[in-house]
């Protein structure tokens, strides 16, 4: 069996990303990940301890359960979500999502000129990219 200190960079990222999924998308519950993905609880435990890596099939099951990229689950340097996978959202949905995530910044959005709104949207896109890379690193 592998020990976590002997993991390669992809395996280390896989452990980190699976833990992030448990913490961020499953409320800290490993059972939630097991229930949503259908993978074996013992297998998940082994993955989180760095003793084994998920098979391609299990990585896909996990990814499908959370609408994320299976290659990201496997530790590859790819976006967590494919841009093509993200649904188009209207401006009201965008504003609500940003207000929920970034609060006061988007309170300024309502009274802003179209030029200022574009600047705010661009700024938030940068923040979101930074948050995604920091959360899923």
N, C-alpha and C. Protein backbone atom coordinates (compact mmCIF):
# COMPACT_ATOMS: atom_id res chain seq x y z
N UNK A 1 0.83 -1.19 0.00
CA UNK A 1 0.00 0.00 0.00
C UNK A 1 0.86 1.25 0.00
N UNK A 2 0.38 2.25 -0.68
CA UNK A 2 1.09 3.52 -0.74
C UNK A 2 0.89 4.29 0.56
N UNK A 3 1.87 5.07 0.91
CA UNK A 3 1.71 6.02 2.01
C UNK A 3 1.54 7.39 1.40
N UNK A 4 0.79 8.24 2.08
CA UNK A 4 0.47 9.54 1.49
C UNK A 4 1.72 10.33 1.15
N UNK A 5 2.79 10.21 1.91
CA UNK A 5 4.00 10.99 1.63
C UNK A 5 4.66 10.56 0.32
N UNK A 6 4.35 9.36 -0.17
CA UNK A 6 4.94 8.87 -1.41
C UNK A 6 4.09 9.12 -2.63
N UNK A 7 3.10 9.96 -2.51
CA UNK A 7 2.20 10.22 -3.64
C UNK A 7 2.83 11.17 -4.64
N UNK A 8 2.51 10.96 -5.92
CA UNK A 8 2.95 11.92 -6.92
C UNK A 8 2.03 13.15 -6.88
N UNK A 9 2.34 14.16 -7.67
CA UNK A 9 1.58 15.41 -7.60
C UNK A 9 0.11 15.23 -7.96
N UNK A 10 -0.20 14.36 -8.90
CA UNK A 10 -1.58 14.13 -9.30
C UNK A 10 -2.36 13.44 -8.18
N UNK A 11 -1.71 12.45 -7.56
CA UNK A 11 -2.36 11.75 -6.46
C UNK A 11 -2.59 12.67 -5.27
N UNK A 12 -1.64 13.54 -4.98
CA UNK A 12 -1.82 14.51 -3.89
C UNK A 12 -2.99 15.44 -4.19
N UNK A 13 -3.06 15.92 -5.43
CA UNK A 13 -4.17 16.81 -5.80
C UNK A 13 -5.50 16.07 -5.75
N UNK A 14 -5.49 14.80 -6.13
CA UNK A 14 -6.72 14.02 -6.06
C UNK A 14 -7.22 13.94 -4.63
N UNK A 15 -6.32 13.66 -3.70
CA UNK A 15 -6.70 13.60 -2.28
C UNK A 15 -7.25 14.95 -1.84
N UNK A 16 -6.55 16.03 -2.18
CA UNK A 16 -6.99 17.37 -1.80
C UNK A 16 -8.35 17.70 -2.40
N UNK A 17 -8.55 17.35 -3.65
CA UNK A 17 -9.80 17.68 -4.33
C UNK A 17 -10.96 16.85 -3.80
N UNK A 18 -10.72 15.59 -3.52
CA UNK A 18 -11.78 14.77 -2.93
C UNK A 18 -12.15 15.31 -1.55
N UNK A 19 -11.16 15.72 -0.77
CA UNK A 19 -11.46 16.29 0.54
C UNK A 19 -12.24 17.59 0.38
N UNK A 20 -11.88 18.38 -0.64
CA UNK A 20 -12.62 19.62 -0.90
C UNK A 20 -14.07 19.32 -1.26
N UNK A 21 -14.29 18.29 -2.07
CA UNK A 21 -15.66 17.90 -2.44
C UNK A 21 -16.44 17.52 -1.18
N UNK A 22 -15.83 16.71 -0.33
CA UNK A 22 -16.50 16.31 0.92
C UNK A 22 -16.82 17.54 1.76
N UNK A 23 -15.83 18.40 1.94
CA UNK A 23 -16.02 19.57 2.81
C UNK A 23 -16.97 20.60 2.22
N UNK A 24 -16.81 20.90 0.94
CA UNK A 24 -17.54 22.02 0.33
C UNK A 24 -18.86 21.63 -0.32
N UNK A 25 -18.92 20.46 -0.90
CA UNK A 25 -20.12 20.08 -1.63
C UNK A 25 -20.98 19.06 -0.88
N UNK A 26 -20.41 18.47 0.15
CA UNK A 26 -21.14 17.44 0.91
C UNK A 26 -21.28 17.81 2.39
N UNK A 27 -21.00 19.06 2.72
CA UNK A 27 -21.16 19.50 4.10
C UNK A 27 -20.29 18.75 5.09
N UNK A 28 -19.15 18.26 4.63
CA UNK A 28 -18.24 17.52 5.51
C UNK A 28 -18.57 16.05 5.66
N UNK A 29 -19.58 15.58 4.95
CA UNK A 29 -20.03 14.20 5.10
C UNK A 29 -19.49 13.30 3.99
N UNK A 30 -18.64 12.37 4.38
CA UNK A 30 -18.17 11.38 3.41
C UNK A 30 -19.33 10.52 2.93
N UNK A 31 -20.27 10.25 3.82
CA UNK A 31 -21.44 9.43 3.45
C UNK A 31 -22.24 10.10 2.35
N UNK A 32 -22.32 11.43 2.38
CA UNK A 32 -23.03 12.17 1.33
C UNK A 32 -22.37 11.92 -0.02
N UNK A 33 -21.05 11.95 -0.06
CA UNK A 33 -20.33 11.68 -1.31
C UNK A 33 -20.60 10.26 -1.77
N UNK A 34 -20.55 9.31 -0.86
CA UNK A 34 -20.83 7.91 -1.19
C UNK A 34 -22.25 7.76 -1.75
N UNK A 35 -23.21 8.36 -1.05
CA UNK A 35 -24.60 8.24 -1.47
C UNK A 35 -24.84 8.87 -2.84
N UNK A 36 -24.27 10.04 -3.07
CA UNK A 36 -24.52 10.75 -4.33
C UNK A 36 -23.79 10.11 -5.51
N UNK A 37 -22.61 9.56 -5.27
CA UNK A 37 -21.81 9.02 -6.37
C UNK A 37 -22.00 7.52 -6.59
N UNK A 38 -22.35 6.82 -5.53
CA UNK A 38 -22.50 5.37 -5.65
C UNK A 38 -21.19 4.60 -5.50
N UNK A 39 -20.11 5.30 -5.11
CA UNK A 39 -18.86 4.57 -4.90
C UNK A 39 -18.88 3.91 -3.52
N UNK A 40 -18.00 2.96 -3.33
CA UNK A 40 -17.90 2.23 -2.08
C UNK A 40 -17.29 3.11 -0.99
N UNK A 41 -17.87 3.04 0.22
CA UNK A 41 -17.39 3.86 1.34
C UNK A 41 -15.93 3.51 1.69
N UNK A 42 -15.59 2.24 1.64
CA UNK A 42 -14.21 1.83 1.92
C UNK A 42 -13.24 2.38 0.88
N UNK A 43 -13.68 2.41 -0.36
CA UNK A 43 -12.84 2.97 -1.42
C UNK A 43 -12.59 4.45 -1.17
N UNK A 44 -13.65 5.19 -0.83
CA UNK A 44 -13.48 6.61 -0.56
C UNK A 44 -12.50 6.84 0.58
N UNK A 45 -12.61 6.05 1.61
CA UNK A 45 -11.69 6.16 2.73
C UNK A 45 -10.24 5.96 2.28
N UNK A 46 -10.03 4.98 1.44
CA UNK A 46 -8.69 4.72 0.91
C UNK A 46 -8.19 5.89 0.07
N UNK A 47 -9.08 6.47 -0.73
CA UNK A 47 -8.70 7.62 -1.56
C UNK A 47 -8.29 8.80 -0.69
N UNK A 48 -9.09 9.08 0.33
CA UNK A 48 -8.83 10.24 1.19
C UNK A 48 -7.56 10.07 2.02
N UNK A 49 -7.20 8.83 2.29
CA UNK A 49 -5.95 8.55 3.03
C UNK A 49 -4.75 8.50 2.10
N UNK A 50 -4.98 8.58 0.79
CA UNK A 50 -3.89 8.54 -0.17
C UNK A 50 -3.33 7.16 -0.38
N UNK A 51 -4.06 6.14 0.00
CA UNK A 51 -3.58 4.76 -0.16
C UNK A 51 -3.87 4.21 -1.55
N UNK A 52 -4.93 4.70 -2.16
CA UNK A 52 -5.31 4.32 -3.52
C UNK A 52 -5.86 5.54 -4.22
N UNK A 53 -5.88 5.48 -5.53
CA UNK A 53 -6.50 6.53 -6.33
C UNK A 53 -7.75 5.99 -6.97
N UNK A 54 -8.73 6.85 -7.20
CA UNK A 54 -9.96 6.35 -7.83
C UNK A 54 -9.70 5.85 -9.25
N UNK A 55 -10.39 4.80 -9.60
CA UNK A 55 -10.33 4.33 -10.99
C UNK A 55 -10.99 5.39 -11.86
N UNK A 56 -10.78 5.27 -13.15
CA UNK A 56 -11.44 6.20 -14.07
C UNK A 56 -12.96 6.15 -13.90
N UNK A 57 -13.50 4.96 -13.69
CA UNK A 57 -14.94 4.79 -13.52
C UNK A 57 -15.42 5.50 -12.25
N UNK A 58 -14.71 5.32 -11.13
CA UNK A 58 -15.12 5.97 -9.89
C UNK A 58 -14.92 7.49 -9.96
N UNK A 59 -13.87 7.94 -10.62
CA UNK A 59 -13.68 9.38 -10.79
C UNK A 59 -14.84 9.96 -11.59
N UNK A 60 -15.30 9.22 -12.60
CA UNK A 60 -16.44 9.69 -13.40
C UNK A 60 -17.72 9.69 -12.57
N UNK A 61 -17.92 8.68 -11.74
CA UNK A 61 -19.11 8.65 -10.88
C UNK A 61 -19.13 9.86 -9.94
N UNK A 62 -17.98 10.17 -9.36
CA UNK A 62 -17.89 11.32 -8.47
C UNK A 62 -18.15 12.60 -9.25
N UNK A 63 -17.48 12.73 -10.39
CA UNK A 63 -17.64 13.93 -11.20
C UNK A 63 -19.08 14.11 -11.66
N UNK A 64 -19.71 13.05 -12.09
CA UNK A 64 -21.09 13.14 -12.56
C UNK A 64 -22.04 13.54 -11.44
N UNK A 65 -21.76 13.08 -10.23
CA UNK A 65 -22.63 13.40 -9.09
C UNK A 65 -22.62 14.89 -8.75
N UNK A 66 -21.53 15.57 -9.13
CA UNK A 66 -21.39 16.99 -8.78
C UNK A 66 -21.23 17.88 -10.01
N UNK A 67 -21.44 17.31 -11.17
CA UNK A 67 -21.34 18.04 -12.44
C UNK A 67 -19.99 18.74 -12.56
N UNK A 68 -18.94 17.97 -12.32
CA UNK A 68 -17.58 18.49 -12.46
C UNK A 68 -16.79 17.61 -13.42
N UNK A 69 -15.61 18.06 -13.77
CA UNK A 69 -14.76 17.40 -14.74
C UNK A 69 -14.05 16.21 -14.10
N UNK A 70 -14.21 14.99 -14.62
CA UNK A 70 -13.53 13.83 -14.02
C UNK A 70 -12.00 13.96 -14.02
N UNK A 71 -11.45 14.63 -15.03
CA UNK A 71 -9.99 14.83 -15.06
C UNK A 71 -9.55 15.72 -13.90
N UNK A 72 -10.39 16.66 -13.50
CA UNK A 72 -10.08 17.51 -12.34
C UNK A 72 -10.06 16.66 -11.08
N UNK A 73 -11.02 15.75 -10.95
CA UNK A 73 -11.06 14.85 -9.79
C UNK A 73 -9.76 14.04 -9.72
N UNK A 74 -9.25 13.65 -10.89
CA UNK A 74 -8.04 12.81 -10.95
C UNK A 74 -6.74 13.60 -10.76
N UNK A 75 -6.87 14.90 -10.49
CA UNK A 75 -5.68 15.69 -10.18
C UNK A 75 -5.05 16.40 -11.35
N UNK A 76 -5.65 16.30 -12.51
CA UNK A 76 -5.07 16.97 -13.67
C UNK A 76 -5.31 18.48 -13.61
N UNK A 77 -4.43 19.21 -14.27
CA UNK A 77 -4.48 20.66 -14.27
C UNK A 77 -5.48 21.14 -15.32
N UNK A 78 -6.74 20.96 -15.00
CA UNK A 78 -7.84 21.36 -15.88
C UNK A 78 -8.86 22.10 -15.01
N UNK A 79 -9.75 22.89 -15.64
CA UNK A 79 -10.78 23.55 -14.84
C UNK A 79 -11.68 22.53 -14.15
N UNK A 80 -12.17 22.89 -12.97
CA UNK A 80 -13.07 22.01 -12.25
C UNK A 80 -14.34 21.76 -13.08
N UNK A 81 -14.82 22.80 -13.72
CA UNK A 81 -15.99 22.70 -14.59
C UNK A 81 -15.59 23.17 -15.98
N UNK A 82 -16.10 22.50 -16.98
CA UNK A 82 -15.87 22.96 -18.34
C UNK A 82 -16.76 24.16 -18.61
N UNK A 83 -16.24 25.15 -19.29
CA UNK A 83 -17.02 26.34 -19.60
C UNK A 83 -18.27 25.96 -20.39
N UNK A 84 -18.17 24.95 -21.24
CA UNK A 84 -19.31 24.51 -22.05
C UNK A 84 -20.39 23.86 -21.19
N UNK A 85 -20.00 23.35 -20.02
CA UNK A 85 -20.95 22.66 -19.15
C UNK A 85 -21.80 23.62 -18.34
N UNK A 86 -21.36 24.84 -18.21
CA UNK A 86 -22.06 25.77 -17.36
C UNK A 86 -23.26 26.34 -18.11
N UNK A 87 -24.41 26.31 -17.49
CA UNK A 87 -25.60 26.82 -18.17
C UNK A 87 -25.52 28.33 -18.34
N UNK A 88 -26.14 28.81 -19.41
CA UNK A 88 -26.24 30.25 -19.59
C UNK A 88 -27.17 30.77 -18.51
N UNK A 89 -26.81 31.89 -17.94
CA UNK A 89 -27.69 32.46 -16.94
C UNK A 89 -28.05 33.88 -17.36
N UNK A 90 -29.23 34.27 -17.02
CA UNK A 90 -29.62 35.63 -17.36
C UNK A 90 -29.02 36.58 -16.33
N UNK A 91 -29.17 37.84 -16.56
CA UNK A 91 -28.54 38.84 -15.71
C UNK A 91 -29.07 38.79 -14.28
N UNK A 92 -30.35 38.48 -14.11
CA UNK A 92 -30.91 38.39 -12.75
C UNK A 92 -30.32 37.22 -11.98
N UNK A 93 -30.15 36.08 -12.67
CA UNK A 93 -29.53 34.93 -12.02
C UNK A 93 -28.09 35.23 -11.67
N UNK A 94 -27.38 35.87 -12.59
CA UNK A 94 -25.99 36.25 -12.34
C UNK A 94 -25.90 37.17 -11.13
N UNK A 95 -26.76 38.20 -11.09
CA UNK A 95 -26.73 39.15 -9.99
C UNK A 95 -27.02 38.46 -8.66
N UNK A 96 -28.01 37.57 -8.65
CA UNK A 96 -28.34 36.88 -7.40
C UNK A 96 -27.20 35.98 -6.94
N UNK A 97 -26.61 35.25 -7.88
CA UNK A 97 -25.49 34.37 -7.53
C UNK A 97 -24.32 35.17 -6.99
N UNK A 98 -24.00 36.27 -7.62
CA UNK A 98 -22.89 37.09 -7.16
C UNK A 98 -23.20 37.77 -5.82
N UNK A 99 -24.45 38.21 -5.67
CA UNK A 99 -24.84 38.84 -4.41
C UNK A 99 -24.73 37.81 -3.28
N UNK A 100 -25.16 36.57 -3.55
CA UNK A 100 -25.07 35.51 -2.54
C UNK A 100 -23.62 35.22 -2.17
N UNK A 101 -22.74 35.25 -3.16
CA UNK A 101 -21.34 34.89 -2.92
C UNK A 101 -20.49 36.06 -2.46
N UNK A 102 -20.78 37.24 -2.96
CA UNK A 102 -19.87 38.36 -2.72
C UNK A 102 -20.52 39.57 -2.09
N UNK A 103 -21.79 39.44 -1.70
CA UNK A 103 -22.47 40.43 -0.90
C UNK A 103 -22.41 41.86 -1.37
N UNK A 104 -21.77 42.69 -0.57
CA UNK A 104 -21.82 44.13 -0.73
C UNK A 104 -21.33 44.60 -2.10
N UNK A 105 -20.39 43.88 -2.69
CA UNK A 105 -19.88 44.28 -4.00
C UNK A 105 -21.02 44.39 -5.01
N UNK A 106 -21.97 43.49 -4.93
CA UNK A 106 -23.04 43.52 -5.91
C UNK A 106 -24.20 44.40 -5.53
N UNK A 107 -24.19 44.92 -4.33
CA UNK A 107 -25.17 45.95 -4.02
C UNK A 107 -24.87 47.20 -4.85
N UNK A 108 -23.61 47.40 -5.21
CA UNK A 108 -23.22 48.53 -6.05
C UNK A 108 -23.71 48.35 -7.49
N UNK A 109 -23.93 47.11 -7.89
CA UNK A 109 -24.26 46.78 -9.28
C UNK A 109 -25.56 47.45 -9.72
N UNK A 110 -26.57 47.46 -8.83
CA UNK A 110 -27.88 47.96 -9.21
C UNK A 110 -27.86 49.40 -9.71
N UNK A 111 -27.08 50.27 -9.09
CA UNK A 111 -27.08 51.67 -9.49
C UNK A 111 -25.98 52.03 -10.47
N UNK A 112 -25.24 51.05 -10.93
CA UNK A 112 -24.08 51.32 -11.78
C UNK A 112 -24.48 51.55 -13.23
N UNK A 113 -23.64 52.31 -13.92
CA UNK A 113 -23.82 52.51 -15.36
C UNK A 113 -23.47 51.20 -16.08
N UNK A 114 -23.87 51.07 -17.33
CA UNK A 114 -23.51 49.85 -18.08
C UNK A 114 -21.99 49.63 -18.12
N UNK A 115 -21.22 50.70 -18.25
CA UNK A 115 -19.75 50.55 -18.27
C UNK A 115 -19.24 50.04 -16.92
N UNK A 116 -19.78 50.60 -15.83
CA UNK A 116 -19.36 50.16 -14.51
C UNK A 116 -19.83 48.73 -14.22
N UNK A 117 -21.00 48.37 -14.72
CA UNK A 117 -21.47 47.00 -14.54
C UNK A 117 -20.52 46.02 -15.22
N UNK A 118 -20.08 46.37 -16.40
CA UNK A 118 -19.13 45.51 -17.12
C UNK A 118 -17.85 45.35 -16.31
N UNK A 119 -17.35 46.44 -15.72
CA UNK A 119 -16.14 46.38 -14.90
C UNK A 119 -16.36 45.48 -13.69
N UNK A 120 -17.51 45.60 -13.05
CA UNK A 120 -17.81 44.76 -11.88
C UNK A 120 -17.87 43.30 -12.30
N UNK A 121 -18.54 43.00 -13.41
CA UNK A 121 -18.64 41.62 -13.90
C UNK A 121 -17.26 41.05 -14.20
N UNK A 122 -16.40 41.85 -14.84
CA UNK A 122 -15.04 41.39 -15.13
C UNK A 122 -14.26 41.13 -13.85
N UNK A 123 -14.43 42.01 -12.86
CA UNK A 123 -13.74 41.85 -11.59
C UNK A 123 -14.20 40.56 -10.90
N UNK A 124 -15.48 40.30 -10.93
CA UNK A 124 -15.99 39.10 -10.28
C UNK A 124 -15.51 37.84 -10.99
N UNK A 125 -15.43 37.89 -12.30
CA UNK A 125 -14.92 36.73 -13.04
C UNK A 125 -13.49 36.41 -12.60
N UNK A 126 -12.70 37.42 -12.36
CA UNK A 126 -11.33 37.22 -11.88
C UNK A 126 -11.37 36.61 -10.48
N UNK A 127 -12.24 37.13 -9.63
CA UNK A 127 -12.36 36.61 -8.26
C UNK A 127 -12.79 35.15 -8.28
N UNK A 128 -13.79 34.84 -9.10
CA UNK A 128 -14.30 33.48 -9.18
C UNK A 128 -13.21 32.52 -9.67
N UNK A 129 -12.47 32.92 -10.69
CA UNK A 129 -11.37 32.08 -11.18
C UNK A 129 -10.36 31.85 -10.07
N UNK A 130 -10.04 32.89 -9.32
CA UNK A 130 -9.08 32.76 -8.22
C UNK A 130 -9.64 31.84 -7.14
N UNK A 131 -10.93 31.99 -6.80
CA UNK A 131 -11.54 31.14 -5.78
C UNK A 131 -11.55 29.69 -6.23
N UNK A 132 -11.90 29.43 -7.50
CA UNK A 132 -11.93 28.06 -8.00
C UNK A 132 -10.55 27.43 -7.95
N UNK A 133 -9.51 28.18 -8.32
CA UNK A 133 -8.17 27.60 -8.30
C UNK A 133 -7.68 27.42 -6.88
N UNK A 134 -8.06 28.29 -5.97
CA UNK A 134 -7.63 28.16 -4.57
C UNK A 134 -8.37 27.02 -3.90
N UNK A 135 -9.67 26.88 -4.16
CA UNK A 135 -10.47 25.83 -3.53
C UNK A 135 -10.12 24.46 -4.08
N UNK A 136 -9.85 24.40 -5.34
CA UNK A 136 -9.64 23.10 -5.95
C UNK A 136 -8.21 22.74 -6.20
N UNK A 137 -7.29 23.47 -5.66
CA UNK A 137 -5.87 23.23 -5.92
C UNK A 137 -5.42 21.90 -5.41
